[in-house]
Amino acid sequence: MRVTDLTNPTWRKSSYSNQDGGQCVEVADNLPSVVPVRDSKDPALGALVFDATAWASFVGAVKCDGLRG
């Protein structure tokens, strides 16, 4: 298992997060080859860490589905 150093990520709220405070997701896209994702309402729970290529594929699929819906 690979360990990712998350001591200095730059977190930003996802543009897909609800603006009224619900469903808040933060991502850190300043780390090489990985994208950590966390719940901004409870960051102490930690983050899920995705391979950057897998994350880009996921975001692309979400954007594509949004265009169809």
Protein backbone atom coordinates (compact mmCIF):
# COMPACT_ATOMS: atom_id res chain seq x y z
CA MET A 1 0.00 0.00 0.00
CA ARG A 2 1.33 3.42 -0.97
CA VAL A 3 1.20 6.22 1.63
CA THR A 4 0.44 9.74 0.39
CA ASP A 5 1.74 12.76 2.29
CA LEU A 6 -1.26 15.05 2.89
CA THR A 7 0.48 17.61 5.12
CA ASN A 8 0.37 20.47 2.59
CA PRO A 9 -2.54 20.05 0.20
CA THR A 10 -4.31 23.13 -1.12
CA TRP A 11 -8.00 22.34 -0.63
CA ARG A 12 -10.74 23.93 -2.72
CA LYS A 13 -14.47 23.34 -2.70
CA SER A 14 -15.64 21.39 -5.70
CA SER A 15 -17.73 23.34 -8.18
CA TYR A 16 -20.25 20.50 -7.89
CA SER A 17 -20.79 21.14 -4.16
CA ASN A 18 -24.08 22.56 -3.02
CA GLN A 19 -23.68 26.30 -2.28
CA ASP A 20 -26.09 26.30 0.70
CA GLY A 21 -23.70 24.26 2.86
CA GLY A 22 -24.88 20.77 2.02
CA GLN A 23 -22.96 18.10 0.11
CA CYS A 24 -19.64 19.93 0.45
CA VAL A 25 -16.76 18.16 -1.23
CA GLU A 26 -13.22 19.52 -1.28
CA VAL A 27 -10.43 18.42 -3.57
CA ALA A 28 -6.72 19.12 -3.55
CA ASP A 29 -5.33 19.20 -7.05
CA ASN A 30 -1.84 20.49 -6.28
CA LEU A 31 -0.27 17.09 -5.54
CA PRO A 32 1.62 15.12 -8.18
CA SER A 33 -0.27 12.13 -9.61
CA VAL A 34 -2.97 11.95 -6.89
CA VAL A 35 -6.16 13.84 -6.02
CA PRO A 36 -7.35 13.69 -2.40
CA VAL A 37 -11.07 14.26 -1.82
CA ARG A 38 -12.72 15.01 1.54
CA ASP A 39 -15.96 16.11 3.17
CA SER A 40 -15.49 19.80 4.02
CA LYS A 41 -18.05 19.56 6.83
CA ASP A 42 -15.83 17.06 8.68
CA PRO A 43 -12.24 17.19 7.36
CA ALA A 44 -10.94 15.32 10.43
CA LEU A 45 -12.43 12.14 8.93
CA GLY A 46 -9.60 12.18 6.39
CA ALA A 47 -9.56 11.98 2.64
CA LEU A 48 -10.00 9.45 -0.11
CA VAL A 49 -7.01 9.55 -2.45
CA PHE A 50 -7.50 8.85 -6.14
CA ASP A 51 -5.00 8.41 -8.93
CA ALA A 52 -5.05 11.65 -10.97
CA THR A 53 -5.89 9.78 -14.19
CA ALA A 54 -8.81 7.98 -12.54
CA TRP A 55 -10.07 11.25 -11.04
CA ALA A 56 -9.91 13.00 -14.43
CA SER A 57 -11.88 10.15 -15.97
CA PHE A 58 -14.51 10.38 -13.22
CA VAL A 59 -14.87 14.16 -13.58
CA GLY A 60 -15.12 13.83 -17.36
CA ALA A 61 -17.89 11.25 -17.00
CA VAL A 62 -19.79 13.48 -14.54
CA LYS A 63 -19.52 16.44 -16.90
CA CYS A 64 -20.67 14.34 -19.86
CA ASP A 65 -23.65 12.96 -17.92
CA GLY A 66 -24.60 16.49 -16.85
CA LEU A 67 -24.74 17.53 -20.50
CA ARG A 68 -27.16 14.71 -21.27
CA GLY A 69 -29.39 15.23 -18.22
